[in-house]
N, C-alpha and C. Protein backbone atom coordinates (compact mmCIF):
# COMPACT_ATOMS: atom_id res chain seq x y z
N MET A 1 -16.01 -46.68 -0.49
CA MET A 1 -16.22 -45.69 0.59
C MET A 1 -15.36 -44.47 0.38
N GLU A 2 -14.10 -44.73 0.01
CA GLU A 2 -13.16 -43.63 -0.19
C GLU A 2 -13.59 -42.73 -1.34
N SER A 3 -14.09 -43.38 -2.40
CA SER A 3 -14.51 -42.61 -3.57
C SER A 3 -15.71 -41.73 -3.24
N VAL A 4 -16.59 -42.25 -2.37
CA VAL A 4 -17.75 -41.47 -1.95
C VAL A 4 -17.31 -40.24 -1.18
N ILE A 5 -16.34 -40.43 -0.29
CA ILE A 5 -15.81 -39.31 0.49
C ILE A 5 -15.15 -38.28 -0.41
N GLU A 6 -14.35 -38.80 -1.37
CA GLU A 6 -13.68 -37.89 -2.30
C GLU A 6 -14.68 -37.12 -3.13
N GLN A 7 -15.73 -37.83 -3.58
CA GLN A 7 -16.76 -37.18 -4.37
C GLN A 7 -17.46 -36.09 -3.56
N GLY A 8 -17.71 -36.40 -2.29
CA GLY A 8 -18.34 -35.40 -1.41
C GLY A 8 -17.46 -34.19 -1.22
N ALA A 9 -16.15 -34.43 -1.09
CA ALA A 9 -15.20 -33.33 -0.91
C ALA A 9 -15.17 -32.45 -2.15
N VAL A 10 -15.18 -33.09 -3.32
CA VAL A 10 -15.17 -32.34 -4.58
C VAL A 10 -16.43 -31.50 -4.71
N GLU A 11 -17.58 -32.12 -4.39
CA GLU A 11 -18.85 -31.40 -4.47
C GLU A 11 -18.88 -30.22 -3.51
N LYS A 12 -18.32 -30.44 -2.31
CA LYS A 12 -18.29 -29.35 -1.32
C LYS A 12 -17.41 -28.22 -1.80
N THR A 13 -16.24 -28.58 -2.38
CA THR A 13 -15.33 -27.56 -2.90
C THR A 13 -15.98 -26.78 -4.03
N ALA A 14 -16.66 -27.48 -4.92
CA ALA A 14 -17.34 -26.83 -6.04
C ALA A 14 -18.43 -25.91 -5.54
N SER A 15 -19.17 -26.39 -4.53
CA SER A 15 -20.24 -25.58 -3.95
C SER A 15 -19.68 -24.32 -3.32
N THR A 16 -18.53 -24.47 -2.65
CA THR A 16 -17.89 -23.31 -2.01
C THR A 16 -17.46 -22.30 -3.05
N ARG A 17 -16.91 -22.80 -4.18
CA ARG A 17 -16.48 -21.90 -5.23
C ARG A 17 -17.65 -21.16 -5.85
N VAL A 18 -18.74 -21.88 -6.07
CA VAL A 18 -19.94 -21.24 -6.61
C VAL A 18 -20.46 -20.18 -5.65
N SER A 19 -20.48 -20.53 -4.34
CA SER A 19 -20.93 -19.59 -3.33
C SER A 19 -20.04 -18.35 -3.29
N GLU A 20 -18.71 -18.58 -3.38
CA GLU A 20 -17.77 -17.46 -3.36
C GLU A 20 -17.95 -16.60 -4.60
N SER A 21 -18.15 -17.24 -5.75
CA SER A 21 -18.36 -16.51 -6.99
C SER A 21 -19.63 -15.68 -6.92
N ALA A 22 -20.68 -16.28 -6.36
CA ALA A 22 -21.95 -15.56 -6.23
C ALA A 22 -21.80 -14.36 -5.30
N ARG A 23 -21.01 -14.56 -4.23
CA ARG A 23 -20.78 -13.45 -3.29
C ARG A 23 -20.07 -12.29 -3.97
N LYS A 24 -19.06 -12.62 -4.78
CA LYS A 24 -18.33 -11.58 -5.49
C LYS A 24 -19.24 -10.86 -6.48
N ASP A 25 -20.09 -11.64 -7.16
CA ASP A 25 -21.02 -11.02 -8.11
C ASP A 25 -21.92 -10.02 -7.41
N ARG A 26 -22.41 -10.39 -6.23
CA ARG A 26 -23.27 -9.48 -5.47
C ARG A 26 -22.50 -8.23 -5.08
N CYS A 27 -21.21 -8.40 -4.73
CA CYS A 27 -20.40 -7.28 -4.28
C CYS A 27 -20.20 -6.25 -5.37
N PHE A 28 -20.11 -6.71 -6.62
CA PHE A 28 -19.84 -5.80 -7.72
C PHE A 28 -21.10 -5.21 -8.35
N ARG A 29 -22.25 -5.61 -7.84
CA ARG A 29 -23.48 -5.05 -8.37
C ARG A 29 -23.68 -3.63 -7.88
N PRO A 30 -24.20 -2.75 -8.72
CA PRO A 30 -24.47 -1.37 -8.31
C PRO A 30 -25.39 -1.31 -7.10
N GLY A 31 -25.06 -0.46 -6.17
CA GLY A 31 -25.91 -0.23 -5.01
C GLY A 31 -25.67 -1.13 -3.84
N ASN A 32 -24.84 -2.17 -4.01
CA ASN A 32 -24.61 -3.11 -2.93
C ASN A 32 -23.40 -2.67 -2.10
N ALA A 33 -23.58 -1.62 -1.32
CA ALA A 33 -22.48 -1.02 -0.59
C ALA A 33 -21.94 -1.94 0.51
N GLN A 34 -22.82 -2.62 1.22
CA GLN A 34 -22.38 -3.47 2.32
C GLN A 34 -21.56 -4.64 1.82
N ALA A 35 -22.00 -5.25 0.73
CA ALA A 35 -21.25 -6.36 0.16
C ALA A 35 -19.89 -5.89 -0.33
N PHE A 36 -19.83 -4.70 -0.91
CA PHE A 36 -18.56 -4.15 -1.37
C PHE A 36 -17.63 -3.90 -0.18
N THR A 37 -18.18 -3.39 0.90
CA THR A 37 -17.39 -3.15 2.11
C THR A 37 -16.79 -4.45 2.63
N ASP A 38 -17.58 -5.51 2.61
CA ASP A 38 -17.08 -6.82 3.06
C ASP A 38 -15.93 -7.30 2.16
N LEU A 39 -16.05 -7.03 0.89
CA LEU A 39 -15.06 -7.51 -0.07
C LEU A 39 -13.72 -6.80 0.07
N ILE A 40 -13.75 -5.51 0.41
CA ILE A 40 -12.49 -4.76 0.49
C ILE A 40 -11.85 -4.83 1.88
N ARG A 41 -12.54 -5.45 2.84
CA ARG A 41 -12.00 -5.50 4.21
C ARG A 41 -10.59 -6.08 4.27
N PRO A 42 -10.25 -7.13 3.52
CA PRO A 42 -8.88 -7.66 3.59
C PRO A 42 -7.82 -6.66 3.11
N PHE A 43 -8.24 -5.62 2.37
CA PHE A 43 -7.29 -4.66 1.83
C PHE A 43 -7.21 -3.37 2.64
N GLU A 44 -7.93 -3.29 3.74
CA GLU A 44 -7.98 -2.05 4.52
C GLU A 44 -6.61 -1.63 5.02
N ARG A 45 -5.82 -2.60 5.52
CA ARG A 45 -4.49 -2.28 6.03
C ARG A 45 -3.60 -1.75 4.91
N GLU A 46 -3.65 -2.39 3.75
CA GLU A 46 -2.84 -1.95 2.62
C GLU A 46 -3.23 -0.54 2.19
N VAL A 47 -4.53 -0.28 2.13
CA VAL A 47 -5.01 1.03 1.72
C VAL A 47 -4.54 2.11 2.69
N TYR A 48 -4.65 1.83 3.99
CA TYR A 48 -4.24 2.85 4.95
C TYR A 48 -2.72 3.06 4.93
N LEU A 49 -1.96 1.97 4.86
CA LEU A 49 -0.50 2.10 4.86
C LEU A 49 -0.03 2.89 3.64
N LEU A 50 -0.61 2.61 2.49
CA LEU A 50 -0.25 3.35 1.29
C LEU A 50 -0.70 4.81 1.41
N SER A 51 -1.85 5.03 1.98
CA SER A 51 -2.34 6.40 2.19
C SER A 51 -1.42 7.16 3.12
N PHE A 52 -0.91 6.48 4.16
CA PHE A 52 0.01 7.12 5.09
C PHE A 52 1.32 7.46 4.39
N ALA A 53 1.77 6.56 3.52
CA ALA A 53 3.00 6.82 2.77
C ALA A 53 2.84 8.04 1.87
N VAL A 54 1.67 8.18 1.29
CA VAL A 54 1.39 9.33 0.42
C VAL A 54 1.31 10.62 1.24
N ALA A 55 0.60 10.56 2.36
CA ALA A 55 0.30 11.77 3.14
C ALA A 55 1.41 12.19 4.09
N GLY A 56 2.03 11.22 4.77
CA GLY A 56 3.05 11.53 5.74
C GLY A 56 2.52 11.86 7.12
N ASN A 57 1.20 11.79 7.29
CA ASN A 57 0.62 11.97 8.63
C ASN A 57 -0.70 11.21 8.69
N SER A 58 -1.09 10.84 9.90
CA SER A 58 -2.23 9.95 10.08
C SER A 58 -3.57 10.60 9.74
N LYS A 59 -3.72 11.88 10.04
CA LYS A 59 -5.01 12.54 9.80
C LYS A 59 -5.33 12.60 8.31
N LEU A 60 -4.37 13.07 7.52
CA LEU A 60 -4.59 13.14 6.08
C LEU A 60 -4.66 11.75 5.47
N ALA A 61 -3.93 10.80 6.05
CA ALA A 61 -3.97 9.42 5.55
C ALA A 61 -5.38 8.85 5.66
N GLU A 62 -6.06 9.14 6.76
CA GLU A 62 -7.43 8.66 6.94
C GLU A 62 -8.36 9.26 5.88
N GLU A 63 -8.17 10.55 5.60
CA GLU A 63 -8.99 11.21 4.59
C GLU A 63 -8.76 10.59 3.21
N ILE A 64 -7.49 10.36 2.89
CA ILE A 64 -7.15 9.76 1.60
C ILE A 64 -7.72 8.35 1.49
N ALA A 65 -7.58 7.56 2.54
CA ALA A 65 -8.07 6.19 2.53
C ALA A 65 -9.59 6.14 2.33
N LEU A 66 -10.30 7.00 3.03
CA LEU A 66 -11.76 7.03 2.90
C LEU A 66 -12.18 7.48 1.51
N GLU A 67 -11.56 8.54 1.02
CA GLU A 67 -11.92 9.04 -0.31
C GLU A 67 -11.56 8.03 -1.40
N ALA A 68 -10.40 7.38 -1.25
CA ALA A 68 -9.98 6.39 -2.24
C ALA A 68 -10.94 5.20 -2.27
N THR A 69 -11.39 4.78 -1.10
CA THR A 69 -12.34 3.67 -1.02
C THR A 69 -13.65 4.05 -1.69
N TYR A 70 -14.08 5.29 -1.47
CA TYR A 70 -15.32 5.76 -2.09
C TYR A 70 -15.18 5.82 -3.61
N ARG A 71 -14.02 6.26 -4.08
CA ARG A 71 -13.80 6.31 -5.53
C ARG A 71 -13.79 4.91 -6.13
N ALA A 72 -13.17 3.96 -5.42
CA ALA A 72 -13.17 2.58 -5.90
C ALA A 72 -14.58 2.02 -5.92
N PHE A 73 -15.39 2.40 -4.94
CA PHE A 73 -16.78 1.94 -4.89
C PHE A 73 -17.56 2.48 -6.09
N LYS A 74 -17.35 3.74 -6.43
CA LYS A 74 -18.06 4.33 -7.57
C LYS A 74 -17.63 3.68 -8.89
N ALA A 75 -16.38 3.21 -8.93
CA ALA A 75 -15.86 2.63 -10.18
C ALA A 75 -15.99 1.11 -10.22
N ARG A 76 -16.74 0.53 -9.28
CA ARG A 76 -16.77 -0.93 -9.15
C ARG A 76 -17.39 -1.63 -10.34
N LYS A 77 -18.19 -0.94 -11.11
CA LYS A 77 -18.82 -1.59 -12.27
C LYS A 77 -17.79 -1.96 -13.33
N HIS A 78 -16.60 -1.34 -13.25
CA HIS A 78 -15.54 -1.66 -14.20
C HIS A 78 -14.61 -2.75 -13.66
N VAL A 79 -14.91 -3.25 -12.46
CA VAL A 79 -14.05 -4.24 -11.80
C VAL A 79 -14.79 -5.57 -11.72
N SER A 80 -14.11 -6.65 -12.13
CA SER A 80 -14.77 -7.95 -12.15
C SER A 80 -14.06 -9.03 -11.34
N THR A 81 -12.86 -8.73 -10.86
CA THR A 81 -12.11 -9.72 -10.08
C THR A 81 -11.51 -9.06 -8.84
N ILE A 82 -11.11 -9.90 -7.88
CA ILE A 82 -10.48 -9.40 -6.67
C ILE A 82 -9.16 -8.71 -6.99
N GLU A 83 -8.41 -9.26 -7.93
CA GLU A 83 -7.13 -8.67 -8.30
C GLU A 83 -7.32 -7.26 -8.86
N ARG A 84 -8.35 -7.11 -9.70
CA ARG A 84 -8.62 -5.79 -10.27
C ARG A 84 -9.16 -4.83 -9.22
N LEU A 85 -9.87 -5.37 -8.25
CA LEU A 85 -10.35 -4.53 -7.15
C LEU A 85 -9.18 -3.97 -6.37
N ARG A 86 -8.20 -4.83 -6.08
CA ARG A 86 -7.00 -4.38 -5.36
C ARG A 86 -6.27 -3.31 -6.16
N SER A 87 -6.13 -3.54 -7.47
CA SER A 87 -5.47 -2.55 -8.32
C SER A 87 -6.25 -1.25 -8.35
N SER A 88 -7.57 -1.36 -8.35
CA SER A 88 -8.43 -0.18 -8.36
C SER A 88 -8.24 0.63 -7.08
N LEU A 89 -8.13 -0.06 -5.94
CA LEU A 89 -7.93 0.62 -4.66
C LEU A 89 -6.57 1.33 -4.63
N ILE A 90 -5.53 0.64 -5.12
CA ILE A 90 -4.19 1.24 -5.14
C ILE A 90 -4.19 2.48 -6.03
N GLY A 91 -4.77 2.36 -7.20
CA GLY A 91 -4.84 3.51 -8.10
C GLY A 91 -5.63 4.66 -7.52
N ALA A 92 -6.70 4.31 -6.80
CA ALA A 92 -7.53 5.36 -6.17
C ALA A 92 -6.77 6.09 -5.07
N VAL A 93 -5.94 5.37 -4.33
CA VAL A 93 -5.13 6.02 -3.29
C VAL A 93 -4.16 7.01 -3.92
N ILE A 94 -3.50 6.59 -5.00
CA ILE A 94 -2.53 7.47 -5.66
C ILE A 94 -3.21 8.71 -6.24
N SER A 95 -4.32 8.51 -6.94
CA SER A 95 -5.02 9.65 -7.54
C SER A 95 -5.59 10.58 -6.47
N THR A 96 -6.10 10.01 -5.39
CA THR A 96 -6.60 10.83 -4.29
C THR A 96 -5.46 11.60 -3.62
N GLY A 97 -4.31 10.95 -3.50
CA GLY A 97 -3.14 11.62 -2.94
C GLY A 97 -2.72 12.80 -3.78
N ARG A 98 -2.83 12.66 -5.09
CA ARG A 98 -2.52 13.79 -5.97
C ARG A 98 -3.47 14.96 -5.71
N ASP A 99 -4.75 14.64 -5.52
CA ASP A 99 -5.76 15.68 -5.35
C ASP A 99 -5.72 16.33 -3.98
N LEU A 100 -5.55 15.52 -2.93
CA LEU A 100 -5.64 16.04 -1.56
C LEU A 100 -4.30 16.43 -0.96
N ALA A 101 -3.22 15.79 -1.41
CA ALA A 101 -1.91 16.04 -0.78
C ALA A 101 -0.86 16.54 -1.76
N GLY A 102 -1.24 16.72 -3.02
CA GLY A 102 -0.28 17.18 -4.01
C GLY A 102 0.81 16.18 -4.31
N PHE A 103 0.50 14.89 -4.08
CA PHE A 103 1.51 13.85 -4.31
C PHE A 103 1.89 13.78 -5.78
N LEU A 104 3.20 13.71 -6.05
CA LEU A 104 3.73 13.65 -7.41
C LEU A 104 3.25 14.82 -8.25
N ALA A 105 3.20 16.00 -7.64
CA ALA A 105 2.75 17.18 -8.36
C ALA A 105 3.84 17.72 -9.28
N HIS A 106 5.05 17.17 -9.18
CA HIS A 106 6.15 17.63 -10.01
C HIS A 106 5.95 17.21 -11.45
N SER A 107 6.41 18.05 -12.35
CA SER A 107 6.26 17.74 -13.76
C SER A 107 7.35 16.82 -14.27
N LYS A 108 8.50 16.80 -13.59
CA LYS A 108 9.62 15.98 -14.03
C LYS A 108 9.86 14.84 -13.05
N PRO A 109 10.08 13.62 -13.53
CA PRO A 109 10.33 12.48 -12.65
C PRO A 109 11.51 12.68 -11.72
N GLU A 110 12.61 13.33 -12.23
CA GLU A 110 13.78 13.51 -11.38
C GLU A 110 13.49 14.44 -10.21
N ALA A 111 12.52 15.34 -10.38
CA ALA A 111 12.14 16.21 -9.26
C ALA A 111 11.33 15.43 -8.24
N ALA A 112 10.55 14.49 -8.72
CA ALA A 112 9.70 13.71 -7.83
C ALA A 112 10.50 12.77 -6.94
N VAL A 113 11.64 12.29 -7.42
CA VAL A 113 12.40 11.32 -6.64
C VAL A 113 13.44 11.98 -5.76
N SER A 114 13.53 13.29 -5.80
CA SER A 114 14.46 13.99 -4.92
C SER A 114 13.70 14.59 -3.76
N GLY A 115 14.41 15.23 -2.86
CA GLY A 115 13.73 15.94 -1.80
C GLY A 115 13.70 15.23 -0.47
N ARG A 116 14.67 14.35 -0.22
CA ARG A 116 14.74 13.73 1.10
C ARG A 116 14.94 14.82 2.14
N ARG A 117 14.21 14.78 3.19
CA ARG A 117 14.31 15.80 4.23
C ARG A 117 15.68 15.71 4.92
N ALA A 118 16.33 16.84 5.03
CA ALA A 118 17.65 16.88 5.67
C ALA A 118 17.46 17.04 7.17
N SER A 119 17.30 15.93 7.85
CA SER A 119 17.12 15.98 9.30
C SER A 119 17.88 14.83 9.94
N GLU A 120 18.32 15.05 11.16
CA GLU A 120 19.02 14.01 11.88
C GLU A 120 18.04 12.92 12.30
N PRO A 121 18.44 11.65 12.21
CA PRO A 121 17.55 10.58 12.67
C PRO A 121 17.17 10.76 14.12
N ASN A 122 15.96 10.40 14.44
CA ASN A 122 15.44 10.57 15.79
C ASN A 122 15.35 9.21 16.46
N SER A 123 16.13 8.99 17.51
CA SER A 123 16.16 7.67 18.14
C SER A 123 15.42 7.64 19.47
N ARG A 124 14.71 8.72 19.81
CA ARG A 124 14.10 8.76 21.12
C ARG A 124 12.95 7.77 21.28
N SER A 125 12.41 7.29 20.15
CA SER A 125 11.26 6.39 20.22
C SER A 125 11.65 4.95 20.50
N GLY A 126 12.95 4.63 20.39
CA GLY A 126 13.37 3.26 20.63
C GLY A 126 13.51 2.48 19.35
N LEU A 127 14.27 1.39 19.41
CA LEU A 127 14.52 0.56 18.25
C LEU A 127 13.35 -0.38 18.06
N SER A 128 12.32 0.08 17.40
CA SER A 128 11.10 -0.70 17.25
C SER A 128 10.35 -0.17 16.05
N SER A 129 9.05 -0.41 16.02
CA SER A 129 8.24 0.08 14.91
C SER A 129 8.26 1.60 14.86
N ALA A 130 8.44 2.25 16.01
CA ALA A 130 8.49 3.70 16.03
C ALA A 130 9.70 4.21 15.26
N VAL A 131 10.84 3.53 15.40
CA VAL A 131 12.04 3.92 14.66
C VAL A 131 11.82 3.71 13.16
N LEU A 132 11.20 2.60 12.80
CA LEU A 132 10.91 2.35 11.39
C LEU A 132 9.96 3.41 10.83
N MET A 133 9.01 3.82 11.64
CA MET A 133 8.08 4.84 11.19
C MET A 133 8.79 6.17 10.99
N ASN A 134 9.70 6.50 11.94
CA ASN A 134 10.49 7.72 11.77
C ASN A 134 11.33 7.66 10.51
N ALA A 135 11.91 6.48 10.25
CA ALA A 135 12.73 6.30 9.05
C ALA A 135 11.89 6.46 7.80
N LEU A 136 10.69 5.93 7.81
CA LEU A 136 9.80 6.04 6.66
C LEU A 136 9.42 7.49 6.42
N LEU A 137 9.13 8.21 7.50
CA LEU A 137 8.75 9.61 7.39
C LEU A 137 9.91 10.48 6.93
N ASP A 138 11.13 10.02 7.16
CA ASP A 138 12.30 10.79 6.75
C ASP A 138 12.55 10.68 5.25
N CYS A 139 11.88 9.73 4.60
CA CYS A 139 12.02 9.57 3.16
C CYS A 139 11.17 10.61 2.43
N ALA A 140 11.56 10.90 1.20
CA ALA A 140 10.72 11.73 0.34
C ALA A 140 9.41 10.98 0.07
N PRO A 141 8.31 11.70 -0.18
CA PRO A 141 7.01 11.04 -0.38
C PRO A 141 7.03 9.92 -1.40
N VAL A 142 7.64 10.14 -2.55
CA VAL A 142 7.64 9.09 -3.57
C VAL A 142 8.44 7.88 -3.11
N GLU A 143 9.49 8.10 -2.31
CA GLU A 143 10.27 6.98 -1.78
C GLU A 143 9.42 6.15 -0.83
N ARG A 144 8.64 6.84 0.02
CA ARG A 144 7.75 6.12 0.95
C ARG A 144 6.78 5.25 0.18
N VAL A 145 6.17 5.82 -0.85
CA VAL A 145 5.16 5.10 -1.61
C VAL A 145 5.78 3.92 -2.34
N VAL A 146 6.94 4.14 -2.94
CA VAL A 146 7.59 3.07 -3.69
C VAL A 146 7.96 1.89 -2.78
N ILE A 147 8.51 2.18 -1.61
CA ILE A 147 8.94 1.08 -0.74
C ILE A 147 7.73 0.33 -0.17
N VAL A 148 6.63 1.03 0.06
CA VAL A 148 5.41 0.35 0.52
C VAL A 148 4.84 -0.52 -0.60
N LEU A 149 4.79 0.01 -1.80
CA LEU A 149 4.26 -0.76 -2.92
C LEU A 149 5.13 -1.98 -3.23
N ARG A 150 6.45 -1.82 -3.09
CA ARG A 150 7.35 -2.93 -3.43
C ARG A 150 7.49 -3.93 -2.29
N ASP A 151 7.78 -3.45 -1.08
CA ASP A 151 8.14 -4.36 0.01
C ASP A 151 6.97 -4.78 0.88
N THR A 152 5.85 -4.10 0.79
CA THR A 152 4.68 -4.47 1.59
C THR A 152 3.56 -5.04 0.71
N LEU A 153 3.29 -4.37 -0.41
CA LEU A 153 2.24 -4.85 -1.31
C LEU A 153 2.81 -5.79 -2.38
N HIS A 154 4.14 -5.89 -2.45
CA HIS A 154 4.84 -6.85 -3.32
C HIS A 154 4.55 -6.66 -4.80
N LEU A 155 4.44 -5.42 -5.23
CA LEU A 155 4.32 -5.13 -6.65
C LEU A 155 5.72 -5.09 -7.27
N THR A 156 5.81 -5.34 -8.56
CA THR A 156 7.09 -5.25 -9.24
C THR A 156 7.41 -3.80 -9.55
N CYS A 157 8.68 -3.54 -9.85
CA CYS A 157 9.08 -2.17 -10.18
C CYS A 157 8.37 -1.69 -11.45
N SER A 158 8.15 -2.58 -12.38
CA SER A 158 7.43 -2.22 -13.61
C SER A 158 5.98 -1.84 -13.31
N GLU A 159 5.34 -2.60 -12.42
CA GLU A 159 3.96 -2.28 -12.04
C GLU A 159 3.90 -0.94 -11.32
N ILE A 160 4.86 -0.70 -10.44
CA ILE A 160 4.90 0.56 -9.70
C ILE A 160 5.13 1.73 -10.65
N ALA A 161 6.03 1.54 -11.61
CA ALA A 161 6.30 2.59 -12.59
C ALA A 161 5.04 2.96 -13.36
N GLU A 162 4.25 1.95 -13.70
CA GLU A 162 3.01 2.20 -14.43
C GLU A 162 2.00 2.94 -13.56
N ILE A 163 1.89 2.55 -12.30
CA ILE A 163 0.95 3.19 -11.39
C ILE A 163 1.30 4.66 -11.15
N LEU A 164 2.61 4.91 -10.96
CA LEU A 164 3.06 6.27 -10.63
C LEU A 164 3.40 7.09 -11.87
N ASN A 165 3.34 6.47 -13.04
CA ASN A 165 3.69 7.14 -14.28
C ASN A 165 5.12 7.69 -14.22
N LEU A 166 6.03 6.83 -13.77
CA LEU A 166 7.43 7.18 -13.67
C LEU A 166 8.26 6.14 -14.43
N PRO A 167 9.46 6.52 -14.86
CA PRO A 167 10.35 5.52 -15.48
C PRO A 167 10.72 4.44 -14.48
N VAL A 168 10.94 3.24 -14.96
CA VAL A 168 11.31 2.13 -14.08
C VAL A 168 12.60 2.46 -13.32
N GLU A 169 13.55 3.09 -13.99
CA GLU A 169 14.81 3.44 -13.33
C GLU A 169 14.60 4.42 -12.18
N ALA A 170 13.64 5.33 -12.34
CA ALA A 170 13.33 6.27 -11.27
C ALA A 170 12.73 5.54 -10.07
N VAL A 171 11.91 4.53 -10.35
CA VAL A 171 11.33 3.73 -9.29
C VAL A 171 12.42 2.96 -8.55
N LYS A 172 13.33 2.35 -9.29
CA LYS A 172 14.43 1.60 -8.68
C LYS A 172 15.31 2.52 -7.83
N HIS A 173 15.55 3.73 -8.32
CA HIS A 173 16.35 4.70 -7.57
C HIS A 173 15.66 5.07 -6.26
N SER A 174 14.36 5.31 -6.33
CA SER A 174 13.60 5.66 -5.13
C SER A 174 13.61 4.52 -4.12
N LEU A 175 13.45 3.30 -4.62
CA LEU A 175 13.44 2.13 -3.75
C LEU A 175 14.79 1.97 -3.06
N SER A 176 15.85 2.09 -3.81
CA SER A 176 17.20 1.97 -3.24
C SER A 176 17.45 3.06 -2.22
N SER A 177 17.06 4.29 -2.54
CA SER A 177 17.26 5.42 -1.63
C SER A 177 16.48 5.24 -0.34
N ALA A 178 15.24 4.76 -0.45
CA ALA A 178 14.41 4.55 0.74
C ALA A 178 14.99 3.47 1.63
N ARG A 179 15.40 2.36 1.04
CA ARG A 179 15.98 1.27 1.82
C ARG A 179 17.27 1.73 2.52
N LEU A 180 18.10 2.49 1.81
CA LEU A 180 19.34 2.98 2.39
C LEU A 180 19.06 3.92 3.56
N GLY A 181 18.07 4.80 3.38
CA GLY A 181 17.72 5.73 4.46
C GLY A 181 17.22 5.02 5.70
N ILE A 182 16.40 3.99 5.51
CA ILE A 182 15.88 3.23 6.64
C ILE A 182 17.01 2.49 7.35
N CYS A 183 17.93 1.92 6.58
CA CYS A 183 19.09 1.24 7.19
C CYS A 183 19.92 2.21 8.02
N ARG A 184 20.11 3.41 7.51
CA ARG A 184 20.88 4.41 8.26
C ARG A 184 20.21 4.76 9.57
N MET A 185 18.90 4.88 9.53
CA MET A 185 18.17 5.18 10.77
C MET A 185 18.32 4.06 11.78
N LEU A 186 18.25 2.83 11.31
CA LEU A 186 18.38 1.69 12.22
C LEU A 186 19.79 1.63 12.82
N PHE A 187 20.80 1.86 12.02
CA PHE A 187 22.17 1.86 12.54
C PHE A 187 22.38 2.99 13.53
N HIS A 188 21.76 4.14 13.27
CA HIS A 188 21.90 5.28 14.18
C HIS A 188 21.26 4.98 15.53
N ALA A 189 20.24 4.13 15.52
CA ALA A 189 19.52 3.82 16.75
C ALA A 189 20.24 2.79 17.61
N VAL A 190 21.37 2.32 17.16
CA VAL A 190 22.14 1.32 17.91
C VAL A 190 23.49 1.92 18.26
N ASP A 191 23.92 1.80 19.53
CA ASP A 191 25.21 2.36 19.93
C ASP A 191 26.37 1.42 19.61
N SER A 192 27.54 1.78 20.02
CA SER A 192 28.74 1.01 19.66
C SER A 192 28.75 -0.38 20.27
N GLN A 193 28.00 -0.61 21.35
CA GLN A 193 27.90 -1.94 21.96
C GLN A 193 26.83 -2.80 21.31
N GLY A 194 26.18 -2.25 20.32
CA GLY A 194 25.13 -3.02 19.65
C GLY A 194 23.81 -2.97 20.40
N ARG A 195 23.67 -2.04 21.35
CA ARG A 195 22.43 -1.92 22.09
C ARG A 195 21.66 -0.73 21.59
N PRO A 196 20.35 -0.73 21.66
CA PRO A 196 19.57 0.44 21.29
C PRO A 196 20.05 1.66 22.07
N SER A 197 20.16 2.80 21.40
CA SER A 197 20.72 3.99 22.03
C SER A 197 19.84 4.54 23.14
N TYR A 198 18.60 4.09 23.22
CA TYR A 198 17.74 4.61 24.27
C TYR A 198 17.90 3.85 25.57
N VAL A 199 18.63 2.68 25.55
CA VAL A 199 18.78 1.86 26.75
C VAL A 199 19.75 2.52 27.71
C-alpha cells in the first residue's frame, strides 16, 4: 500500500514538473505576451525596487520598469530558464536607466561611485520605512543600485560588477558607503533616550 502511495506521489511530482516545464515553454514562445506576463509576475517587486534605485523617484521608476519589462519581452527568445529571465530583467532595468535617467553616464568608475548628496538627514517621516527610503534616496545613484542588488536581490559583488561594468572594488566601496549612510540616518532618527526623534 505504501509503495503504491509513494509511486502515486512520484507520478504526481513528475506530472507537475512536466506541466511547469510546458508552461515555461509556452511563456518563451514568440507572441505569447500573457504567458510571459504571468512568468515575470514574481519579479515585479524586484524590477520596481531596482528601477526606483536607478531613478530616485517613483514616476521615472514606473517608466523604467515598464520599458525594461518590454525590452525583456522582446528579448525573450534568447532566454530559456527562469534564472536567465531574472538576469534579463535586471539587465534591462540597468540599460533602460542609462537611456532614460542617465544612470552610470560617467566615463570613469571613480566618478560613478562618488556624488553622495550633501544634505542633512530628514527625520520628520518617523523611524520606519519612510526613514529607510529617505536614507536610500540620500545615497548616490550607483550606491542605491548596488545595495538593492546585493542586499535585496542577493547578487554577489562579482555579479553586480559585471552587470554595472564596474570594478569589484568599486562595487564593494559603493556597498560599504551606502550601508554606512543608511546607518547614519537611522542613528540620527533616534534621540539620546533611544526613542525616535519624532516622538
